[in-house]
Protein backbone atom coordinates (compact mmCIF):
# COMPACT_ATOMS: atom_id res chain seq x y z
CA UNK A 1 0.00 0.00 0.00
CA UNK A 2 2.87 2.35 0.81
CA UNK A 3 4.46 1.71 -2.59
CA UNK A 4 1.12 2.53 -4.26
CA UNK A 5 0.94 5.82 -2.38
CA UNK A 6 4.57 6.55 -3.30
CA UNK A 7 3.79 5.94 -6.97
CA UNK A 8 0.73 8.20 -7.04
CA UNK A 9 1.40 10.89 -4.44
CA UNK A 10 2.79 13.35 -6.98
CA UNK A 11 -0.41 13.30 -9.01
CA UNK A 12 -3.05 13.04 -6.27
CA UNK A 13 -1.38 13.86 -2.93
CA UNK A 14 -1.08 11.63 0.13
CA UNK A 15 -4.19 12.69 2.04
CA UNK A 16 -6.69 12.17 -0.81
CA UNK A 17 -5.23 8.72 -1.52
CA UNK A 18 -5.41 7.80 2.16
CA UNK A 19 -9.09 8.83 2.28
CA UNK A 20 -9.83 6.14 -0.32
CA UNK A 21 -7.47 3.50 1.06
CA UNK A 22 -7.71 2.01 4.57
CA UNK A 23 -4.57 3.75 5.85
CA UNK A 24 -4.14 6.92 7.88
CA UNK A 25 -1.73 9.53 6.55
CA UNK A 26 0.17 9.40 9.85
CA UNK A 27 0.73 5.65 9.35
CA UNK A 28 2.12 6.30 5.89
CA UNK A 29 4.48 9.01 7.13
CA UNK A 30 5.56 6.83 10.08
CA UNK A 31 6.44 4.03 7.66
CA UNK A 32 8.48 6.44 5.54
CA UNK A 33 10.42 7.71 8.55
CA UNK A 34 11.22 4.14 9.67
CA UNK A 35 12.31 3.23 6.16
CA UNK A 36 14.65 6.25 6.10
CA UNK A 37 16.02 5.62 9.62
CA UNK A 38 16.01 1.90 10.62
CA UNK A 39 17.01 2.87 14.19
CA UNK A 40 13.40 4.07 14.68
CA UNK A 41 12.09 0.53 14.15
CA UNK A 42 11.07 -1.61 17.10
CA UNK A 43 13.59 -4.03 18.61
CA UNK A 44 11.57 -6.93 17.15
CA UNK A 45 11.66 -5.43 13.64
CA UNK A 46 15.43 -4.84 13.86
CA UNK A 47 16.00 -8.43 15.06
CA UNK A 48 13.78 -9.81 12.29
CA UNK A 49 15.75 -7.83 9.69
CA UNK A 50 19.04 -9.13 11.10
CA UNK A 51 17.81 -12.75 11.04
CA UNK A 52 16.30 -12.59 7.54
CA UNK A 53 19.52 -13.65 5.69
CA UNK A 54 20.02 -16.61 8.04
CA UNK A 55 16.40 -17.70 7.64
CA UNK A 56 16.76 -17.50 3.86
CA UNK A 57 19.99 -19.54 4.01
CA UNK A 58 18.40 -22.35 6.06
CA UNK A 59 15.31 -22.35 3.84
CA UNK A 60 17.38 -22.47 0.62
CA UNK A 61 19.76 -25.16 1.92
CA UNK A 62 16.77 -27.40 2.57
CA UNK A 63 15.28 -27.22 -0.92
CA UNK A 64 12.81 -24.51 0.13
CA UNK A 65 10.47 -27.06 1.66
CA UNK A 66 11.04 -26.47 5.39
CA UNK A 67 8.23 -24.90 7.37
CA UNK A 68 8.53 -22.37 10.16
CA UNK A 69 9.36 -24.92 12.89
CA UNK A 70 12.26 -26.55 11.04
CA UNK A 71 13.63 -23.24 9.77
CA UNK A 72 13.52 -21.83 13.32
CA UNK A 73 15.21 -24.94 14.68
CA UNK A 74 17.88 -24.69 11.97
CA UNK A 75 18.81 -21.09 12.73
CA UNK A 76 21.68 -20.87 15.23
CA UNK A 77 20.34 -17.65 16.79
CA UNK A 78 16.98 -19.25 17.51
CA UNK A 79 18.34 -21.42 20.31
CA UNK A 80 17.05 -24.60 18.68
CA UNK A 81 19.16 -27.58 17.59
CA UNK A 82 20.51 -27.45 14.01
CA UNK A 83 18.39 -29.48 11.59
CA UNK A 84 20.01 -31.55 8.86
CA UNK A 85 18.46 -31.71 5.39
CA UNK A 86 16.30 -34.81 4.97
PDB file of N, CA and C in Angstrom:
ATOM      1  N   UNK A   1       0.824  -1.177   0.000  1.00  0.00           N
ATOM      2  CA  UNK A   1       0.000   0.000   0.000  1.00  0.00           C
ATOM      3  C   UNK A   1       0.880   1.256   0.000  1.00  0.00           C
ATOM      4  N   UNK A   2       1.965   1.198   0.747  1.00  0.00           N
ATOM      5  CA  UNK A   2       2.865   2.352   0.808  1.00  0.00           C
ATOM      6  C   UNK A   2       3.492   2.597  -0.560  1.00  0.00           C
ATOM      7  N   UNK A   3       3.862   1.533  -1.267  1.00  0.00           N
ATOM      8  CA  UNK A   3       4.457   1.709  -2.594  1.00  0.00           C
ATOM      9  C   UNK A   3       3.443   2.299  -3.572  1.00  0.00           C
ATOM     10  N   UNK A   4       2.166   1.938  -3.426  1.00  0.00           N
ATOM     11  CA  UNK A   4       1.118   2.528  -4.264  1.00  0.00           C
ATOM     12  C   UNK A   4       1.010   4.028  -4.003  1.00  0.00           C
ATOM     13  N   UNK A   5       1.019   4.403  -2.727  1.00  0.00           N
ATOM     14  CA  UNK A   5       0.936   5.824  -2.377  1.00  0.00           C
ATOM     15  C   UNK A   5       2.164   6.558  -2.915  1.00  0.00           C
ATOM     16  N   UNK A   6       3.351   5.934  -2.771  1.00  0.00           N
ATOM     17  CA  UNK A   6       4.574   6.547  -3.299  1.00  0.00           C
ATOM     18  C   UNK A   6       4.460   6.804  -4.803  1.00  0.00           C
ATOM     19  N   UNK A   7       3.890   5.827  -5.519  1.00  0.00           N
ATOM     20  CA  UNK A   7       3.794   5.942  -6.973  1.00  0.00           C
ATOM     21  C   UNK A   7       2.800   7.020  -7.419  1.00  0.00           C
ATOM     22  N   UNK A   8       1.780   7.286  -6.617  1.00  0.00           N
ATOM     23  CA  UNK A   8       0.732   8.198  -7.041  1.00  0.00           C
ATOM     24  C   UNK A   8       0.636   9.510  -6.253  1.00  0.00           C
ATOM     25  N   UNK A   9       1.510   9.706  -5.296  1.00  0.00           N
ATOM     26  CA  UNK A   9       1.397  10.889  -4.443  1.00  0.00           C
ATOM     27  C   UNK A   9       1.666  12.184  -5.195  1.00  0.00           C
ATOM     28  N   UNK A  10       2.509  12.148  -6.204  1.00  0.00           N
ATOM     29  CA  UNK A  10       2.792  13.352  -6.977  1.00  0.00           C
ATOM     30  C   UNK A  10       1.582  13.856  -7.746  1.00  0.00           C
ATOM     31  N   UNK A  11       0.757  12.930  -8.209  1.00  0.00           N
ATOM     32  CA  UNK A  11      -0.408  13.301  -9.008  1.00  0.00           C
ATOM     33  C   UNK A  11      -1.627  13.652  -8.151  1.00  0.00           C
ATOM     34  N   UNK A  12      -1.823  12.890  -7.054  1.00  0.00           N
ATOM     35  CA  UNK A  12      -3.048  13.043  -6.267  1.00  0.00           C
ATOM     36  C   UNK A  12      -2.831  13.596  -4.854  1.00  0.00           C
ATOM     37  N   UNK A  13      -1.635  13.457  -4.311  1.00  0.00           N
ATOM     38  CA  UNK A  13      -1.380  13.857  -2.928  1.00  0.00           C
ATOM     39  C   UNK A  13      -1.642  12.704  -1.967  1.00  0.00           C
ATOM     40  N   UNK A  14      -0.994  12.729  -0.836  1.00  0.00           N
ATOM     41  CA  UNK A  14      -1.080  11.632   0.135  1.00  0.00           C
ATOM     42  C   UNK A  14      -2.452  11.576   0.805  1.00  0.00           C
ATOM     43  N   UNK A  15      -2.939  12.693   1.289  1.00  0.00           N
ATOM     44  CA  UNK A  15      -4.192  12.688   2.040  1.00  0.00           C
ATOM     45  C   UNK A  15      -5.386  12.210   1.217  1.00  0.00           C
ATOM     46  N   UNK A  16      -5.562  12.678  -0.030  1.00  0.00           N
ATOM     47  CA  UNK A  16      -6.686  12.169  -0.814  1.00  0.00           C
ATOM     48  C   UNK A  16      -6.601  10.657  -1.082  1.00  0.00           C
ATOM     49  N   UNK A  17      -5.394  10.164  -1.306  1.00  0.00           N
ATOM     50  CA  UNK A  17      -5.232   8.719  -1.523  1.00  0.00           C
ATOM     51  C   UNK A  17      -5.595   7.965  -0.245  1.00  0.00           C
ATOM     52  N   UNK A  18      -5.145   8.477   0.889  1.00  0.00           N
ATOM     53  CA  UNK A  18      -5.414   7.804   2.163  1.00  0.00           C
ATOM     54  C   UNK A  18      -6.903   7.824   2.517  1.00  0.00           C
ATOM     55  N   UNK A  19      -7.643   8.805   2.034  1.00  0.00           N
ATOM     56  CA  UNK A  19      -9.088   8.830   2.281  1.00  0.00           C
ATOM     57  C   UNK A  19      -9.777   7.656   1.585  1.00  0.00           C
ATOM     58  N   UNK A  20      -9.244   7.248   0.443  1.00  0.00           N
ATOM     59  CA  UNK A  20      -9.829   6.144  -0.320  1.00  0.00           C
ATOM     60  C   UNK A  20      -9.321   4.798   0.191  1.00  0.00           C
ATOM     61  N   UNK A  21      -8.064   4.748   0.573  1.00  0.00           N
ATOM     62  CA  UNK A  21      -7.473   3.498   1.058  1.00  0.00           C
ATOM     63  C   UNK A  21      -7.628   3.394   2.579  1.00  0.00           C
ATOM     64  N   UNK A  22      -7.580   2.168   3.114  1.00  0.00           N
ATOM     65  CA  UNK A  22      -7.709   2.009   4.575  1.00  0.00           C
ATOM     66  C   UNK A  22      -6.380   2.237   5.308  1.00  0.00           C
ATOM     67  N   UNK A  23      -5.816   3.422   5.150  1.00  0.00           N
ATOM     68  CA  UNK A  23      -4.571   3.750   5.845  1.00  0.00           C
ATOM     69  C   UNK A  23      -4.607   5.229   6.231  1.00  0.00           C
ATOM     70  N   UNK A  24      -4.194   5.528   7.427  1.00  0.00           N
ATOM     71  CA  UNK A  24      -4.142   6.916   7.884  1.00  0.00           C
ATOM     72  C   UNK A  24      -2.869   7.570   7.349  1.00  0.00           C
ATOM     73  N   UNK A  25      -2.934   8.841   7.009  1.00  0.00           N
ATOM     74  CA  UNK A  25      -1.730   9.529   6.545  1.00  0.00           C
ATOM     75  C   UNK A  25      -0.584   9.439   7.549  1.00  0.00           C
ATOM     76  N   UNK A  26      -0.896   9.484   8.842  1.00  0.00           N
ATOM     77  CA  UNK A  26       0.167   9.399   9.853  1.00  0.00           C
ATOM     78  C   UNK A  26       0.866   8.039   9.806  1.00  0.00           C
ATOM     79  N   UNK A  27       0.126   6.981   9.491  1.00  0.00           N
ATOM     80  CA  UNK A  27       0.731   5.649   9.353  1.00  0.00           C
ATOM     81  C   UNK A  27       1.680   5.617   8.168  1.00  0.00           C
ATOM     82  N   UNK A  28       1.265   6.222   7.076  1.00  0.00           N
ATOM     83  CA  UNK A  28       2.119   6.297   5.888  1.00  0.00           C
ATOM     84  C   UNK A  28       3.412   7.051   6.198  1.00  0.00           C
ATOM     85  N   UNK A  29       3.292   8.218   6.823  1.00  0.00           N
ATOM     86  CA  UNK A  29       4.483   9.013   7.134  1.00  0.00           C
ATOM     87  C   UNK A  29       5.371   8.315   8.160  1.00  0.00           C
ATOM     88  N   UNK A  30       4.780   7.595   9.101  1.00  0.00           N
ATOM     89  CA  UNK A  30       5.560   6.831  10.076  1.00  0.00           C
ATOM     90  C   UNK A  30       6.364   5.740   9.382  1.00  0.00           C
ATOM     91  N   UNK A  31       5.733   5.072   8.422  1.00  0.00           N
ATOM     92  CA  UNK A  31       6.438   4.034   7.665  1.00  0.00           C
ATOM     93  C   UNK A  31       7.618   4.633   6.889  1.00  0.00           C
ATOM     94  N   UNK A  32       7.399   5.793   6.274  1.00  0.00           N
ATOM     95  CA  UNK A  32       8.485   6.443   5.536  1.00  0.00           C
ATOM     96  C   UNK A  32       9.651   6.807   6.455  1.00  0.00           C
ATOM     97  N   UNK A  33       9.333   7.311   7.644  1.00  0.00           N
ATOM     98  CA  UNK A  33      10.417   7.710   8.549  1.00  0.00           C
ATOM     99  C   UNK A  33      11.200   6.491   9.037  1.00  0.00           C
ATOM    100  N   UNK A  34      10.521   5.361   9.247  1.00  0.00           N
ATOM    101  CA  UNK A  34      11.221   4.144   9.670  1.00  0.00           C
ATOM    102  C   UNK A  34      12.023   3.542   8.528  1.00  0.00           C
ATOM    103  N   UNK A  35      11.556   3.706   7.308  1.00  0.00           N
ATOM    104  CA  UNK A  35      12.310   3.229   6.157  1.00  0.00           C
ATOM    105  C   UNK A  35      13.591   4.050   6.002  1.00  0.00           C
ATOM    106  N   UNK A  36      13.494   5.357   6.240  1.00  0.00           N
ATOM    107  CA  UNK A  36      14.647   6.252   6.101  1.00  0.00           C
ATOM    108  C   UNK A  36      15.648   6.067   7.238  1.00  0.00           C
ATOM    109  N   UNK A  37      15.157   5.764   8.445  1.00  0.00           N
ATOM    110  CA  UNK A  37      16.024   5.618   9.620  1.00  0.00           C
ATOM    111  C   UNK A  37      15.663   4.322  10.350  1.00  0.00           C
ATOM    112  N   UNK A  38      16.333   3.200  10.005  1.00  0.00           N
ATOM    113  CA  UNK A  38      16.007   1.904  10.620  1.00  0.00           C
ATOM    114  C   UNK A  38      16.145   1.881  12.141  1.00  0.00           C
ATOM    115  N   UNK A  39      16.874   2.826  12.729  1.00  0.00           N
ATOM    116  CA  UNK A  39      17.010   2.868  14.188  1.00  0.00           C
ATOM    117  C   UNK A  39      15.674   3.183  14.867  1.00  0.00           C
ATOM    118  N   UNK A  40      14.723   3.757  14.125  1.00  0.00           N
ATOM    119  CA  UNK A  40      13.404   4.070  14.684  1.00  0.00           C
ATOM    120  C   UNK A  40      12.493   2.847  14.753  1.00  0.00           C
ATOM    121  N   UNK A  41      12.906   1.749  14.118  1.00  0.00           N
ATOM    122  CA  UNK A  41      12.086   0.534  14.149  1.00  0.00           C
ATOM    123  C   UNK A  41      12.112  -0.082  15.536  1.00  0.00           C
ATOM    124  N   UNK A  42      11.125  -0.919  15.812  1.00  0.00           N
ATOM    125  CA  UNK A  42      11.072  -1.612  17.103  1.00  0.00           C
ATOM    126  C   UNK A  42      12.223  -2.613  17.198  1.00  0.00           C
ATOM    127  N   UNK A  43      12.529  -3.032  18.399  1.00  0.00           N
ATOM    128  CA  UNK A  43      13.587  -4.026  18.609  1.00  0.00           C
ATOM    129  C   UNK A  43      13.262  -5.309  17.852  1.00  0.00           C
ATOM    130  N   UNK A  44      11.992  -5.713  17.858  1.00  0.00           N
ATOM    131  CA  UNK A  44      11.575  -6.927  17.147  1.00  0.00           C
ATOM    132  C   UNK A  44      11.812  -6.786  15.647  1.00  0.00           C
ATOM    133  N   UNK A  45      11.474  -5.649  15.075  1.00  0.00           N
ATOM    134  CA  UNK A  45      11.660  -5.431  13.641  1.00  0.00           C
ATOM    135  C   UNK A  45      13.138  -5.433  13.270  1.00  0.00           C
ATOM    136  N   UNK A  46      13.982  -4.826  14.124  1.00  0.00           N
ATOM    137  CA  UNK A  46      15.428  -4.836  13.855  1.00  0.00           C
ATOM    138  C   UNK A  46      15.986  -6.255  13.936  1.00  0.00           C
ATOM    139  N   UNK A  47      15.536  -7.037  14.934  1.00  0.00           N
ATOM    140  CA  UNK A  47      15.998  -8.426  15.063  1.00  0.00           C
ATOM    141  C   UNK A  47      15.534  -9.255  13.873  1.00  0.00           C
ATOM    142  N   UNK A  48      14.293  -9.080  13.448  1.00  0.00           N
ATOM    143  CA  UNK A  48      13.784  -9.807  12.290  1.00  0.00           C
ATOM    144  C   UNK A  48      14.605  -9.496  11.042  1.00  0.00           C
ATOM    145  N   UNK A  49      14.937  -8.224  10.851  1.00  0.00           N
ATOM    146  CA  UNK A  49      15.747  -7.831   9.691  1.00  0.00           C
ATOM    147  C   UNK A  49      17.133  -8.444   9.754  1.00  0.00           C
ATOM    148  N   UNK A  50      17.715  -8.532  10.949  1.00  0.00           N
ATOM    149  CA  UNK A  50      19.043  -9.125  11.101  1.00  0.00           C
ATOM    150  C   UNK A  50      19.011 -10.634  10.849  1.00  0.00           C
ATOM    151  N   UNK A  51      17.917 -11.291  11.216  1.00  0.00           N
ATOM    152  CA  UNK A  51      17.813 -12.749  11.041  1.00  0.00           C
ATOM    153  C   UNK A  51      17.383 -13.160   9.634  1.00  0.00           C
ATOM    154  N   UNK A  52      16.840 -12.247   8.865  1.00  0.00           N
ATOM    155  CA  UNK A  52      16.305 -12.586   7.540  1.00  0.00           C
ATOM    156  C   UNK A  52      17.306 -13.320   6.649  1.00  0.00           C
ATOM    157  N   UNK A  53      18.576 -12.904   6.534  1.00  0.00           N
ATOM    158  CA  UNK A  53      19.520 -13.652   5.685  1.00  0.00           C
ATOM    159  C   UNK A  53      19.760 -15.086   6.181  1.00  0.00           C
ATOM    160  N   UNK A  54      19.810 -15.276   7.487  1.00  0.00           N
ATOM    161  CA  UNK A  54      20.021 -16.614   8.040  1.00  0.00           C
ATOM    162  C   UNK A  54      18.804 -17.503   7.781  1.00  0.00           C
ATOM    163  N   UNK A  55      17.624 -16.944   7.927  1.00  0.00           N
ATOM    164  CA  UNK A  55      16.399 -17.699   7.645  1.00  0.00           C
ATOM    165  C   UNK A  55      16.380 -18.110   6.182  1.00  0.00           C
ATOM    166  N   UNK A  56      16.726 -17.192   5.299  1.00  0.00           N
ATOM    167  CA  UNK A  56      16.764 -17.495   3.862  1.00  0.00           C
ATOM    168  C   UNK A  56      17.783 -18.589   3.569  1.00  0.00           C
ATOM    169  N   UNK A  57      18.952 -18.530   4.230  1.00  0.00           N
ATOM    170  CA  UNK A  57      19.993 -19.536   4.009  1.00  0.00           C
ATOM    171  C   UNK A  57      19.496 -20.917   4.404  1.00  0.00           C
ATOM    172  N   UNK A  58      18.899 -21.046   5.589  1.00  0.00           N
ATOM    173  CA  UNK A  58      18.404 -22.346   6.055  1.00  0.00           C
ATOM    174  C   UNK A  58      17.309 -22.856   5.122  1.00  0.00           C
ATOM    175  N   UNK A  59      16.406 -21.971   4.725  1.00  0.00           N
ATOM    176  CA  UNK A  59      15.311 -22.351   3.839  1.00  0.00           C
ATOM    177  C   UNK A  59      15.845 -22.836   2.493  1.00  0.00           C
ATOM    178  N   UNK A  60      16.805 -22.096   1.916  1.00  0.00           N
ATOM    179  CA  UNK A  60      17.376 -22.469   0.621  1.00  0.00           C
ATOM    180  C   UNK A  60      18.189 -23.755   0.689  1.00  0.00           C
ATOM    181  N   UNK A  61      18.947 -23.948   1.768  1.00  0.00           N
ATOM    182  CA  UNK A  61      19.757 -25.159   1.918  1.00  0.00           C
ATOM    183  C   UNK A  61      18.904 -26.419   2.055  1.00  0.00           C
ATOM    184  N   UNK A  62      17.658 -26.253   2.371  1.00  0.00           N
ATOM    185  CA  UNK A  62      16.768 -27.395   2.567  1.00  0.00           C
ATOM    186  C   UNK A  62      15.689 -27.438   1.492  1.00  0.00           C
ATOM    187  N   UNK A  63      16.110 -27.109   0.269  1.00  0.00           N
ATOM    188  CA  UNK A  63      15.278 -27.219  -0.924  1.00  0.00           C
ATOM    189  C   UNK A  63      13.987 -26.423  -0.842  1.00  0.00           C
ATOM    190  N   UNK A  64      13.951 -25.418  -0.022  1.00  0.00           N
ATOM    191  CA  UNK A  64      12.811 -24.506   0.133  1.00  0.00           C
ATOM    192  C   UNK A  64      11.512 -25.238   0.480  1.00  0.00           C
ATOM    193  N   UNK A  65      11.652 -26.301   1.258  1.00  0.00           N
ATOM    194  CA  UNK A  65      10.466 -27.061   1.658  1.00  0.00           C
ATOM    195  C   UNK A  65      10.245 -27.040   3.168  1.00  0.00           C
ATOM    196  N   UNK A  66      11.200 -26.505   3.940  1.00  0.00           N
ATOM    197  CA  UNK A  66      11.037 -26.471   5.388  1.00  0.00           C
ATOM    198  C   UNK A  66       9.975 -25.460   5.789  1.00  0.00           C
ATOM    199  N   UNK A  67       9.208 -25.809   6.797  1.00  0.00           N
ATOM    200  CA  UNK A  67       8.233 -24.900   7.371  1.00  0.00           C
ATOM    201  C   UNK A  67       8.865 -24.080   8.479  1.00  0.00           C
ATOM    202  N   UNK A  68       8.033 -23.304   9.152  1.00  0.00           N
ATOM    203  CA  UNK A  68       8.532 -22.372  10.159  1.00  0.00           C
ATOM    204  C   UNK A  68       9.241 -23.088  11.310  1.00  0.00           C
ATOM    205  N   UNK A  69       8.734 -24.239  11.749  1.00  0.00           N
ATOM    206  CA  UNK A  69       9.355 -24.916  12.895  1.00  0.00           C
ATOM    207  C   UNK A  69      10.758 -25.413  12.568  1.00  0.00           C
ATOM    208  N   UNK A  70      10.930 -26.030  11.399  1.00  0.00           N
ATOM    209  CA  UNK A  70      12.255 -26.551  11.045  1.00  0.00           C
ATOM    210  C   UNK A  70      13.225 -25.427  10.700  1.00  0.00           C
ATOM    211  N   UNK A  71      12.748 -24.374  10.070  1.00  0.00           N
ATOM    212  CA  UNK A  71      13.630 -23.243   9.773  1.00  0.00           C
ATOM    213  C   UNK A  71      14.084 -22.595  11.078  1.00  0.00           C
ATOM    214  N   UNK A  72      13.164 -22.413  12.026  1.00  0.00           N
ATOM    215  CA  UNK A  72      13.518 -21.833  13.319  1.00  0.00           C
ATOM    216  C   UNK A  72      14.520 -22.713  14.039  1.00  0.00           C
ATOM    217  N   UNK A  73      14.291 -24.019  14.016  1.00  0.00           N
ATOM    218  CA  UNK A  73      15.209 -24.942  14.680  1.00  0.00           C
ATOM    219  C   UNK A  73      16.576 -24.945  14.004  1.00  0.00           C
ATOM    220  N   UNK A  74      16.622 -24.668  12.706  1.00  0.00           N
ATOM    221  CA  UNK A  74      17.880 -24.685  11.972  1.00  0.00           C
ATOM    222  C   UNK A  74      18.682 -23.413  12.063  1.00  0.00           C
ATOM    223  N   UNK A  75      18.102 -22.363  12.593  1.00  0.00           N
ATOM    224  CA  UNK A  75      18.815 -21.092  12.729  1.00  0.00           C
ATOM    225  C   UNK A  75      19.587 -21.078  14.043  1.00  0.00           C
ATOM    226  N   UNK A  76      20.884 -20.867  14.000  1.00  0.00           N
ATOM    227  CA  UNK A  76      21.680 -20.870  15.228  1.00  0.00           C
ATOM    228  C   UNK A  76      21.224 -19.856  16.264  1.00  0.00           C
ATOM    229  N   UNK A  77      20.763 -18.674  15.840  1.00  0.00           N
ATOM    230  CA  UNK A  77      20.344 -17.648  16.789  1.00  0.00           C
ATOM    231  C   UNK A  77      19.019 -17.944  17.450  1.00  0.00           C
ATOM    232  N   UNK A  78      18.301 -18.972  16.966  1.00  0.00           N
ATOM    233  CA  UNK A  78      16.981 -19.252  17.514  1.00  0.00           C
ATOM    234  C   UNK A  78      17.059 -20.033  18.814  1.00  0.00           C
ATOM    235  N   UNK A  79      18.212 -20.638  19.085  1.00  0.00           N
ATOM    236  CA  UNK A  79      18.342 -21.423  20.309  1.00  0.00           C
ATOM    237  C   UNK A  79      17.961 -22.876  20.122  1.00  0.00           C
ATOM    238  N   UNK A  80      17.435 -23.222  18.960  1.00  0.00           N
ATOM    239  CA  UNK A  80      17.045 -24.602  18.679  1.00  0.00           C
ATOM    240  C   UNK A  80      18.215 -25.406  18.138  1.00  0.00           C
ATOM    241  N   UNK A  81      18.090 -26.745  18.126  1.00  0.00           N
ATOM    242  CA  UNK A  81      19.163 -27.577  17.588  1.00  0.00           C
ATOM    243  C   UNK A  81      19.229 -27.422  16.065  1.00  0.00           C
ATOM    244  N   UNK A  82      20.417 -27.535  15.466  1.00  0.00           N
ATOM    245  CA  UNK A  82      20.505 -27.454  14.014  1.00  0.00           C
ATOM    246  C   UNK A  82      19.787 -28.643  13.391  1.00  0.00           C
ATOM    247  N   UNK A  83      19.140 -28.425  12.271  1.00  0.00           N
ATOM    248  CA  UNK A  83      18.388 -29.476  11.590  1.00  0.00           C
ATOM    249  C   UNK A  83      19.128 -29.809  10.311  1.00  0.00           C
ATOM    250  N   UNK A  84      19.341 -31.092  10.080  1.00  0.00           N
ATOM    251  CA  UNK A  84      20.014 -31.548   8.856  1.00  0.00           C
ATOM    252  C   UNK A  84      18.988 -31.714   7.746  1.00  0.00           C
ATOM    253  N   UNK A  85      19.400 -31.483   6.488  1.00  0.00           N
ATOM    254  CA  UNK A  85      18.461 -31.709   5.394  1.00  0.00           C
ATOM    255  C   UNK A  85      18.031 -33.170   5.349  1.00  0.00           C
ATOM    256  N   UNK A  86      16.761 -33.414   5.031  1.00  0.00           N
ATOM    257  CA  UNK A  86      16.299 -34.809   4.966  1.00  0.00           C
ATOM    258  C   UNK A  86      16.407 -35.364   3.573  1.00  0.00           C
TER     259      UNK A  86
END
